[in-house]
């Protein structure tokens, strides 16, 4: 298996709200680790319209939820966490496995029952796949990114083109 195939998501959606409870149940997913930047909020910290209702619906269906973010800005993640009423882990250092392990402990689930939702192949998807979790890639909410993410996007586009051409 080539290295870049570890960066292929198991599923790909336009945004987090397109992921249904039926989809999760089909894949035996009982918990979600969710990225913040460009998955739940945009560059200007505006939350995606309708995401609160989506989170509430998932919670009502019994899905366990936790934010898993690479940001070292604790206040930013804390604010989103409070608004959505879900726990968080910040400075997760994705794609390293440690943050994913912490998320697994918070959710009290086995890795095979956890999906990771995020907008980046090189952090969210790669880390999920390395941690034996179900990787779900969503399109970024907005094209504006922090500097380090901007640098990674061209490589991610190249990998996604290979992924989409294999389907």
N, C-alpha and C. Protein backbone atom coordinates (compact mmCIF):
# COMPACT_ATOMS: atom_id res chain seq x y z
N UNK A 1 0.84 -1.18 0.00
CA UNK A 1 0.00 0.00 0.00
C UNK A 1 0.89 1.25 0.00
N UNK A 2 0.59 2.16 -0.87
CA UNK A 2 1.38 3.38 -0.94
C UNK A 2 1.00 4.30 0.21
N UNK A 3 1.97 5.11 0.63
CA UNK A 3 1.76 6.01 1.76
C UNK A 3 0.55 6.92 1.56
N UNK A 4 0.39 7.47 0.35
CA UNK A 4 -0.71 8.42 0.17
C UNK A 4 -2.08 7.77 0.34
N UNK A 5 -2.18 6.45 0.17
CA UNK A 5 -3.49 5.82 0.38
C UNK A 5 -3.89 5.86 1.85
N UNK A 6 -2.93 6.01 2.76
CA UNK A 6 -3.24 6.22 4.19
C UNK A 6 -3.91 7.58 4.38
N UNK A 7 -3.78 8.44 3.37
CA UNK A 7 -4.39 9.76 3.45
C UNK A 7 -5.75 9.81 2.76
N UNK A 8 -6.20 8.68 2.22
CA UNK A 8 -7.51 8.64 1.60
C UNK A 8 -8.58 8.52 2.69
N UNK A 9 -9.61 9.36 2.61
CA UNK A 9 -10.70 9.23 3.57
C UNK A 9 -11.56 8.01 3.26
N UNK A 10 -12.22 7.51 4.29
CA UNK A 10 -13.17 6.41 4.08
C UNK A 10 -14.47 6.96 3.46
N UNK A 11 -14.75 8.25 3.76
CA UNK A 11 -15.94 8.90 3.20
C UNK A 11 -15.64 10.38 2.99
N UNK A 12 -16.38 10.98 2.07
CA UNK A 12 -16.15 12.38 1.70
C UNK A 12 -17.51 13.07 1.53
N UNK A 13 -17.70 14.19 2.25
CA UNK A 13 -18.95 14.94 2.21
C UNK A 13 -18.68 16.42 1.96
N UNK A 14 -19.70 17.12 1.47
CA UNK A 14 -19.58 18.56 1.26
C UNK A 14 -19.37 19.30 2.58
N UNK A 15 -20.14 18.93 3.59
CA UNK A 15 -19.94 19.51 4.92
C UNK A 15 -20.48 18.55 5.97
N UNK A 16 -20.21 18.87 7.20
CA UNK A 16 -20.54 17.99 8.33
C UNK A 16 -22.04 17.71 8.41
N UNK A 17 -22.87 18.66 8.02
CA UNK A 17 -24.31 18.49 8.13
C UNK A 17 -24.87 17.47 7.15
N UNK A 18 -24.08 17.08 6.14
CA UNK A 18 -24.51 16.07 5.18
C UNK A 18 -24.36 14.65 5.72
N UNK A 19 -23.67 14.51 6.84
CA UNK A 19 -23.46 13.19 7.45
C UNK A 19 -24.70 12.85 8.26
N UNK A 20 -25.33 11.75 7.91
CA UNK A 20 -26.60 11.38 8.56
C UNK A 20 -26.37 10.31 9.64
N UNK A 21 -27.34 10.21 10.51
CA UNK A 21 -27.31 9.18 11.54
C UNK A 21 -27.35 7.80 10.88
N UNK A 22 -28.08 7.68 9.79
CA UNK A 22 -28.16 6.40 9.07
C UNK A 22 -26.79 6.00 8.52
N UNK A 23 -26.06 6.97 8.00
CA UNK A 23 -24.70 6.69 7.50
C UNK A 23 -23.82 6.17 8.64
N UNK A 24 -23.88 6.86 9.78
CA UNK A 24 -23.06 6.45 10.93
C UNK A 24 -23.45 5.06 11.41
N UNK A 25 -24.75 4.80 11.48
CA UNK A 25 -25.22 3.49 11.94
C UNK A 25 -24.78 2.38 10.98
N UNK A 26 -24.82 2.66 9.69
CA UNK A 26 -24.38 1.68 8.69
C UNK A 26 -22.93 1.26 8.92
N UNK A 27 -22.12 2.19 9.41
CA UNK A 27 -20.70 1.93 9.63
C UNK A 27 -20.37 1.66 11.10
N UNK A 28 -21.43 1.43 11.90
CA UNK A 28 -21.28 1.11 13.32
C UNK A 28 -20.50 2.18 14.09
N UNK A 29 -20.74 3.44 13.72
CA UNK A 29 -20.08 4.57 14.38
C UNK A 29 -20.95 5.03 15.54
N UNK A 30 -20.35 5.07 16.73
CA UNK A 30 -21.06 5.47 17.95
C UNK A 30 -20.51 6.76 18.55
N UNK A 31 -19.38 7.24 18.00
CA UNK A 31 -18.77 8.46 18.50
C UNK A 31 -18.05 9.22 17.41
N UNK A 32 -17.99 10.54 17.59
CA UNK A 32 -17.35 11.41 16.60
C UNK A 32 -16.30 12.29 17.27
N UNK A 33 -15.13 12.35 16.66
CA UNK A 33 -14.10 13.33 17.00
C UNK A 33 -14.12 14.34 15.87
N UNK A 34 -14.40 15.59 16.20
CA UNK A 34 -14.67 16.61 15.18
C UNK A 34 -13.65 17.73 15.25
N UNK A 35 -13.05 18.02 14.10
CA UNK A 35 -12.13 19.14 13.97
C UNK A 35 -12.90 20.46 14.09
N UNK A 36 -12.20 21.52 14.44
CA UNK A 36 -12.85 22.83 14.59
C UNK A 36 -12.67 23.69 13.35
N UNK A 37 -11.41 24.06 13.07
CA UNK A 37 -11.13 25.03 12.01
C UNK A 37 -11.51 24.50 10.64
N UNK A 38 -12.38 25.25 9.97
CA UNK A 38 -12.87 24.96 8.63
C UNK A 38 -13.73 23.71 8.55
N UNK A 39 -14.10 23.16 9.71
CA UNK A 39 -15.06 22.06 9.78
C UNK A 39 -16.31 22.53 10.53
N UNK A 40 -16.10 23.14 11.71
CA UNK A 40 -17.20 23.71 12.49
C UNK A 40 -17.26 25.23 12.39
N UNK A 41 -16.08 25.86 12.29
CA UNK A 41 -16.02 27.33 12.19
C UNK A 41 -15.13 27.74 11.03
N UNK A 42 -15.38 28.94 10.52
CA UNK A 42 -14.54 29.46 9.44
C UNK A 42 -13.35 30.23 10.02
N UNK A 43 -12.56 30.79 9.14
CA UNK A 43 -11.35 31.52 9.53
C UNK A 43 -11.65 32.65 10.52
N UNK A 44 -12.83 33.27 10.37
CA UNK A 44 -13.22 34.38 11.24
C UNK A 44 -13.99 33.94 12.48
N UNK A 45 -13.96 32.63 12.76
CA UNK A 45 -14.57 32.03 13.95
C UNK A 45 -16.10 32.03 13.93
N UNK A 46 -16.68 32.15 12.73
CA UNK A 46 -18.13 32.04 12.59
C UNK A 46 -18.49 30.57 12.48
N UNK A 47 -19.45 30.15 13.29
CA UNK A 47 -19.86 28.74 13.27
C UNK A 47 -20.71 28.48 12.03
N UNK A 48 -20.56 27.30 11.47
CA UNK A 48 -21.32 26.90 10.29
C UNK A 48 -22.81 26.92 10.62
N UNK A 49 -23.61 27.57 9.79
CA UNK A 49 -25.06 27.63 9.99
C UNK A 49 -25.64 26.22 10.09
N UNK A 50 -26.45 25.99 11.10
CA UNK A 50 -27.15 24.73 11.26
C UNK A 50 -26.36 23.65 11.98
N UNK A 51 -25.10 23.92 12.31
CA UNK A 51 -24.29 22.87 12.94
C UNK A 51 -24.74 22.58 14.37
N UNK A 52 -25.25 23.57 15.08
CA UNK A 52 -25.75 23.35 16.45
C UNK A 52 -26.90 22.35 16.42
N UNK A 53 -27.81 22.52 15.49
CA UNK A 53 -28.95 21.61 15.36
C UNK A 53 -28.48 20.20 14.97
N UNK A 54 -27.46 20.14 14.08
CA UNK A 54 -26.91 18.85 13.68
C UNK A 54 -26.28 18.13 14.89
N UNK A 55 -25.50 18.88 15.67
CA UNK A 55 -24.87 18.33 16.89
C UNK A 55 -25.95 17.83 17.85
N UNK A 56 -26.98 18.64 18.07
CA UNK A 56 -28.06 18.26 18.98
C UNK A 56 -28.76 16.98 18.51
N UNK A 57 -28.98 16.87 17.21
CA UNK A 57 -29.62 15.68 16.64
C UNK A 57 -28.74 14.45 16.86
N UNK A 58 -27.44 14.59 16.62
CA UNK A 58 -26.52 13.46 16.83
C UNK A 58 -26.55 13.02 18.30
N UNK A 59 -26.51 14.00 19.18
CA UNK A 59 -26.54 13.70 20.62
C UNK A 59 -27.85 13.00 20.98
N UNK A 60 -28.98 13.50 20.45
CA UNK A 60 -30.29 12.88 20.71
C UNK A 60 -30.34 11.43 20.21
N UNK A 61 -29.57 11.13 19.16
CA UNK A 61 -29.53 9.78 18.61
C UNK A 61 -28.55 8.87 19.35
N UNK A 62 -27.88 9.43 20.38
CA UNK A 62 -26.97 8.63 21.20
C UNK A 62 -25.52 8.63 20.74
N UNK A 63 -25.19 9.47 19.77
CA UNK A 63 -23.81 9.55 19.30
C UNK A 63 -23.00 10.38 20.30
N UNK A 64 -21.85 9.85 20.71
CA UNK A 64 -20.96 10.57 21.61
C UNK A 64 -20.11 11.52 20.77
N UNK A 65 -19.85 12.72 21.32
CA UNK A 65 -19.19 13.77 20.55
C UNK A 65 -18.04 14.38 21.33
N UNK A 66 -16.99 14.75 20.60
CA UNK A 66 -15.85 15.45 21.20
C UNK A 66 -15.13 16.23 20.10
N UNK A 67 -14.72 17.43 20.42
CA UNK A 67 -13.91 18.23 19.50
C UNK A 67 -12.45 17.78 19.64
N UNK A 68 -11.77 17.61 18.51
CA UNK A 68 -10.36 17.27 18.49
C UNK A 68 -9.67 18.25 17.55
N UNK A 69 -8.96 19.22 18.14
CA UNK A 69 -8.39 20.30 17.36
C UNK A 69 -6.88 20.42 17.55
N UNK A 70 -6.21 20.82 16.49
CA UNK A 70 -4.77 21.06 16.57
C UNK A 70 -4.44 22.45 17.09
N UNK A 71 -5.40 23.33 17.15
CA UNK A 71 -5.11 24.69 17.57
C UNK A 71 -4.57 24.73 19.00
N UNK A 72 -3.66 25.67 19.22
CA UNK A 72 -3.18 25.90 20.59
C UNK A 72 -3.94 27.05 21.24
N UNK A 73 -4.95 27.56 20.53
CA UNK A 73 -5.79 28.64 21.05
C UNK A 73 -6.94 28.01 21.85
N UNK A 74 -6.66 27.77 23.12
CA UNK A 74 -7.63 27.09 23.98
C UNK A 74 -8.96 27.83 24.04
N UNK A 75 -8.91 29.14 24.12
CA UNK A 75 -10.14 29.93 24.23
C UNK A 75 -11.05 29.73 23.02
N UNK A 76 -10.46 29.68 21.83
CA UNK A 76 -11.26 29.49 20.62
C UNK A 76 -12.02 28.16 20.69
N UNK A 77 -11.31 27.08 21.02
CA UNK A 77 -11.93 25.76 21.09
C UNK A 77 -12.94 25.71 22.24
N UNK A 78 -12.59 26.33 23.35
CA UNK A 78 -13.48 26.36 24.52
C UNK A 78 -14.80 27.04 24.17
N UNK A 79 -14.74 28.14 23.43
CA UNK A 79 -15.96 28.85 23.04
C UNK A 79 -16.86 27.99 22.17
N UNK A 80 -16.27 27.30 21.20
CA UNK A 80 -17.06 26.42 20.34
C UNK A 80 -17.63 25.26 21.17
N UNK A 81 -16.80 24.71 22.04
CA UNK A 81 -17.21 23.61 22.91
C UNK A 81 -18.40 24.01 23.79
N UNK A 82 -18.31 25.18 24.38
CA UNK A 82 -19.42 25.68 25.22
C UNK A 82 -20.69 25.86 24.41
N UNK A 83 -20.56 26.49 23.25
CA UNK A 83 -21.73 26.76 22.41
C UNK A 83 -22.41 25.45 21.98
N UNK A 84 -21.62 24.45 21.64
CA UNK A 84 -22.17 23.18 21.17
C UNK A 84 -22.42 22.19 22.30
N UNK A 85 -21.93 22.53 23.49
CA UNK A 85 -22.09 21.69 24.68
C UNK A 85 -21.50 20.30 24.48
N UNK A 86 -20.25 20.27 23.99
CA UNK A 86 -19.51 19.01 23.86
C UNK A 86 -18.09 19.21 24.37
N UNK A 87 -17.46 18.15 24.88
CA UNK A 87 -16.09 18.28 25.39
C UNK A 87 -15.10 18.53 24.25
N UNK A 88 -13.89 18.89 24.63
CA UNK A 88 -12.88 19.20 23.62
C UNK A 88 -11.49 18.75 24.06
N UNK A 89 -10.66 18.59 23.06
CA UNK A 89 -9.22 18.40 23.22
C UNK A 89 -8.58 19.39 22.27
N UNK A 90 -7.69 20.22 22.78
CA UNK A 90 -7.00 21.17 21.91
C UNK A 90 -5.53 20.80 21.87
N UNK A 91 -4.81 21.38 20.92
CA UNK A 91 -3.39 21.10 20.69
C UNK A 91 -3.17 19.58 20.60
N UNK A 92 -3.98 18.93 19.77
CA UNK A 92 -3.99 17.47 19.64
C UNK A 92 -2.77 16.93 18.89
N UNK A 93 -2.12 17.78 18.13
CA UNK A 93 -0.93 17.40 17.36
C UNK A 93 -1.21 16.29 16.34
N UNK A 94 -2.38 16.40 15.70
CA UNK A 94 -2.73 15.47 14.62
C UNK A 94 -1.71 15.64 13.49
N UNK A 95 -1.25 14.60 12.86
CA UNK A 95 -1.75 13.25 12.81
C UNK A 95 -1.13 12.28 13.84
N UNK A 96 -0.38 12.79 14.81
CA UNK A 96 0.16 11.89 15.84
C UNK A 96 -0.98 11.21 16.58
N UNK A 97 -0.76 10.01 17.04
CA UNK A 97 -1.83 9.19 17.61
C UNK A 97 -2.29 9.64 19.00
N UNK A 98 -1.47 10.36 19.73
CA UNK A 98 -1.79 10.68 21.11
C UNK A 98 -3.13 11.42 21.27
N UNK A 99 -3.38 12.42 20.46
CA UNK A 99 -4.64 13.16 20.53
C UNK A 99 -5.84 12.27 20.25
N UNK A 100 -5.69 11.36 19.30
CA UNK A 100 -6.76 10.43 18.96
C UNK A 100 -7.02 9.47 20.12
N UNK A 101 -5.95 9.04 20.79
CA UNK A 101 -6.10 8.17 21.97
C UNK A 101 -6.85 8.90 23.08
N UNK A 102 -6.51 10.18 23.29
CA UNK A 102 -7.21 10.97 24.30
C UNK A 102 -8.70 11.07 23.95
N UNK A 103 -8.99 11.28 22.67
CA UNK A 103 -10.37 11.35 22.22
C UNK A 103 -11.11 10.04 22.45
N UNK A 104 -10.44 8.93 22.20
CA UNK A 104 -11.02 7.62 22.41
C UNK A 104 -11.37 7.42 23.89
N UNK A 105 -10.48 7.88 24.77
CA UNK A 105 -10.74 7.77 26.21
C UNK A 105 -11.91 8.64 26.63
N UNK A 106 -11.97 9.87 26.08
CA UNK A 106 -13.10 10.75 26.42
C UNK A 106 -14.43 10.16 25.98
N UNK A 107 -14.43 9.55 24.80
CA UNK A 107 -15.67 8.97 24.28
C UNK A 107 -15.98 7.62 24.91
N UNK A 108 -14.97 6.98 25.50
CA UNK A 108 -15.13 5.65 26.10
C UNK A 108 -15.65 4.64 25.08
N UNK A 109 -15.00 4.66 23.92
CA UNK A 109 -15.36 3.76 22.83
C UNK A 109 -14.10 3.14 22.23
N UNK A 110 -14.26 2.04 21.53
CA UNK A 110 -13.15 1.45 20.79
C UNK A 110 -12.94 2.24 19.51
N UNK A 111 -11.72 2.22 19.00
CA UNK A 111 -11.39 2.99 17.79
C UNK A 111 -12.29 2.62 16.62
N UNK A 112 -12.67 1.35 16.49
CA UNK A 112 -13.48 0.92 15.35
C UNK A 112 -14.89 1.53 15.36
N UNK A 113 -15.32 2.08 16.50
CA UNK A 113 -16.64 2.70 16.62
C UNK A 113 -16.59 4.22 16.60
N UNK A 114 -15.43 4.78 16.23
CA UNK A 114 -15.23 6.23 16.22
C UNK A 114 -14.94 6.70 14.80
N UNK A 115 -15.59 7.78 14.41
CA UNK A 115 -15.26 8.45 13.15
C UNK A 115 -14.63 9.80 13.48
N UNK A 116 -13.69 10.19 12.65
CA UNK A 116 -13.04 11.49 12.78
C UNK A 116 -13.50 12.33 11.59
N UNK A 117 -14.01 13.51 11.88
CA UNK A 117 -14.50 14.41 10.83
C UNK A 117 -13.61 15.64 10.79
N UNK A 118 -13.05 15.92 9.61
CA UNK A 118 -12.21 17.10 9.46
C UNK A 118 -12.03 17.47 8.00
N UNK A 119 -11.36 18.60 7.79
CA UNK A 119 -11.20 19.13 6.44
C UNK A 119 -9.81 18.93 5.85
N UNK A 120 -8.91 18.25 6.58
CA UNK A 120 -7.54 18.11 6.08
C UNK A 120 -7.10 16.65 6.01
N UNK A 121 -6.51 16.29 4.89
CA UNK A 121 -6.00 14.94 4.69
C UNK A 121 -4.78 14.67 5.57
N UNK A 122 -3.88 15.64 5.66
CA UNK A 122 -2.59 15.42 6.31
C UNK A 122 -2.66 15.44 7.84
N UNK A 123 -3.79 15.82 8.39
CA UNK A 123 -3.94 15.83 9.85
C UNK A 123 -5.10 14.93 10.26
N UNK A 124 -6.31 15.30 9.88
CA UNK A 124 -7.51 14.58 10.32
C UNK A 124 -7.60 13.16 9.74
N UNK A 125 -7.51 13.05 8.43
CA UNK A 125 -7.67 11.75 7.77
C UNK A 125 -6.49 10.83 8.06
N UNK A 126 -5.29 11.32 7.89
CA UNK A 126 -4.11 10.50 8.15
C UNK A 126 -4.09 10.02 9.60
N UNK A 127 -4.36 10.91 10.54
CA UNK A 127 -4.38 10.54 11.95
C UNK A 127 -5.47 9.53 12.27
N UNK A 128 -6.65 9.71 11.70
CA UNK A 128 -7.75 8.77 11.91
C UNK A 128 -7.38 7.39 11.38
N UNK A 129 -6.87 7.35 10.16
CA UNK A 129 -6.51 6.08 9.55
C UNK A 129 -5.39 5.38 10.33
N UNK A 130 -4.41 6.15 10.78
CA UNK A 130 -3.32 5.58 11.58
C UNK A 130 -3.82 5.06 12.92
N UNK A 131 -4.91 5.64 13.42
CA UNK A 131 -5.47 5.25 14.73
C UNK A 131 -6.60 4.23 14.61
N UNK A 132 -6.77 3.70 13.41
CA UNK A 132 -7.83 2.70 13.13
C UNK A 132 -9.23 3.23 13.42
N UNK A 133 -9.43 4.51 13.09
CA UNK A 133 -10.74 5.13 13.21
C UNK A 133 -11.27 5.39 11.80
N UNK A 134 -12.55 5.58 11.68
CA UNK A 134 -13.19 5.83 10.40
C UNK A 134 -12.99 7.29 10.02
N UNK A 135 -12.33 7.54 8.91
CA UNK A 135 -12.00 8.92 8.50
C UNK A 135 -13.04 9.49 7.56
N UNK A 136 -13.54 10.68 7.92
CA UNK A 136 -14.51 11.38 7.08
C UNK A 136 -13.94 12.76 6.76
N UNK A 137 -13.73 13.00 5.48
CA UNK A 137 -13.25 14.30 5.03
C UNK A 137 -14.44 15.15 4.60
N UNK A 138 -14.44 16.41 5.01
CA UNK A 138 -15.44 17.37 4.53
C UNK A 138 -14.70 18.50 3.81
N UNK A 139 -15.39 19.11 2.87
CA UNK A 139 -14.80 20.27 2.20
C UNK A 139 -14.63 21.38 3.23
N UNK A 140 -13.55 22.17 3.13
CA UNK A 140 -13.39 23.30 4.05
C UNK A 140 -14.56 24.27 3.93
N UNK A 141 -14.99 24.83 5.05
CA UNK A 141 -16.09 25.79 5.06
C UNK A 141 -15.75 27.00 4.19
N UNK A 142 -14.51 27.44 4.26
CA UNK A 142 -14.09 28.65 3.57
C UNK A 142 -12.71 28.43 2.99
N UNK A 143 -12.39 29.11 1.90
CA UNK A 143 -11.07 28.94 1.28
C UNK A 143 -9.94 29.61 2.06
N UNK A 144 -10.28 30.50 2.97
CA UNK A 144 -9.25 31.19 3.74
C UNK A 144 -8.74 30.27 4.85
N UNK A 145 -7.41 30.11 4.92
CA UNK A 145 -6.77 29.21 5.87
C UNK A 145 -5.63 29.92 6.59
N UNK A 146 -5.21 29.32 7.70
CA UNK A 146 -3.99 29.81 8.35
C UNK A 146 -2.81 29.43 7.45
N UNK A 147 -1.68 30.06 7.66
CA UNK A 147 -0.52 29.93 6.78
C UNK A 147 -0.08 28.49 6.57
N UNK A 148 0.09 27.73 7.64
CA UNK A 148 0.59 26.36 7.52
C UNK A 148 -0.37 25.48 6.72
N UNK A 149 -1.66 25.70 6.89
CA UNK A 149 -2.65 24.92 6.14
C UNK A 149 -2.61 25.29 4.66
N UNK A 150 -2.41 26.58 4.36
CA UNK A 150 -2.30 27.01 2.97
C UNK A 150 -1.18 26.27 2.25
N UNK A 151 -0.09 26.04 2.97
CA UNK A 151 1.05 25.35 2.37
C UNK A 151 0.73 23.89 2.04
N UNK A 152 -0.13 23.27 2.81
CA UNK A 152 -0.46 21.86 2.62
C UNK A 152 -1.55 21.62 1.57
N UNK A 153 -2.38 22.62 1.32
CA UNK A 153 -3.53 22.41 0.44
C UNK A 153 -3.17 21.90 -0.96
N UNK A 154 -2.11 22.41 -1.63
CA UNK A 154 -1.80 21.87 -2.98
C UNK A 154 -1.51 20.36 -2.97
N UNK A 155 -0.77 19.89 -1.98
CA UNK A 155 -0.50 18.45 -1.88
C UNK A 155 -1.80 17.69 -1.61
N UNK A 156 -2.64 18.24 -0.74
CA UNK A 156 -3.91 17.59 -0.46
C UNK A 156 -4.79 17.51 -1.71
N UNK A 157 -4.78 18.56 -2.52
CA UNK A 157 -5.57 18.55 -3.76
C UNK A 157 -5.08 17.44 -4.69
N UNK A 158 -3.75 17.27 -4.79
CA UNK A 158 -3.17 16.23 -5.63
C UNK A 158 -3.60 14.85 -5.15
N UNK A 159 -3.55 14.63 -3.85
CA UNK A 159 -3.96 13.33 -3.28
C UNK A 159 -5.45 13.11 -3.51
N UNK A 160 -6.27 14.15 -3.30
CA UNK A 160 -7.72 14.02 -3.49
C UNK A 160 -8.06 13.72 -4.94
N UNK A 161 -7.31 14.30 -5.87
CA UNK A 161 -7.56 14.00 -7.30
C UNK A 161 -7.35 12.51 -7.57
N UNK A 162 -6.29 11.92 -6.99
CA UNK A 162 -6.05 10.49 -7.15
C UNK A 162 -7.18 9.69 -6.51
N UNK A 163 -7.59 10.12 -5.31
CA UNK A 163 -8.67 9.44 -4.59
C UNK A 163 -9.97 9.47 -5.41
N UNK A 164 -10.33 10.64 -5.89
CA UNK A 164 -11.59 10.79 -6.63
C UNK A 164 -11.55 10.05 -7.96
N UNK A 165 -10.38 9.96 -8.59
CA UNK A 165 -10.26 9.23 -9.85
C UNK A 165 -10.33 7.73 -9.67
N UNK A 166 -10.07 7.24 -8.46
CA UNK A 166 -10.14 5.79 -8.19
C UNK A 166 -11.57 5.33 -7.97
N UNK A 167 -12.46 6.26 -7.64
CA UNK A 167 -13.85 5.90 -7.32
C UNK A 167 -14.61 5.48 -8.56
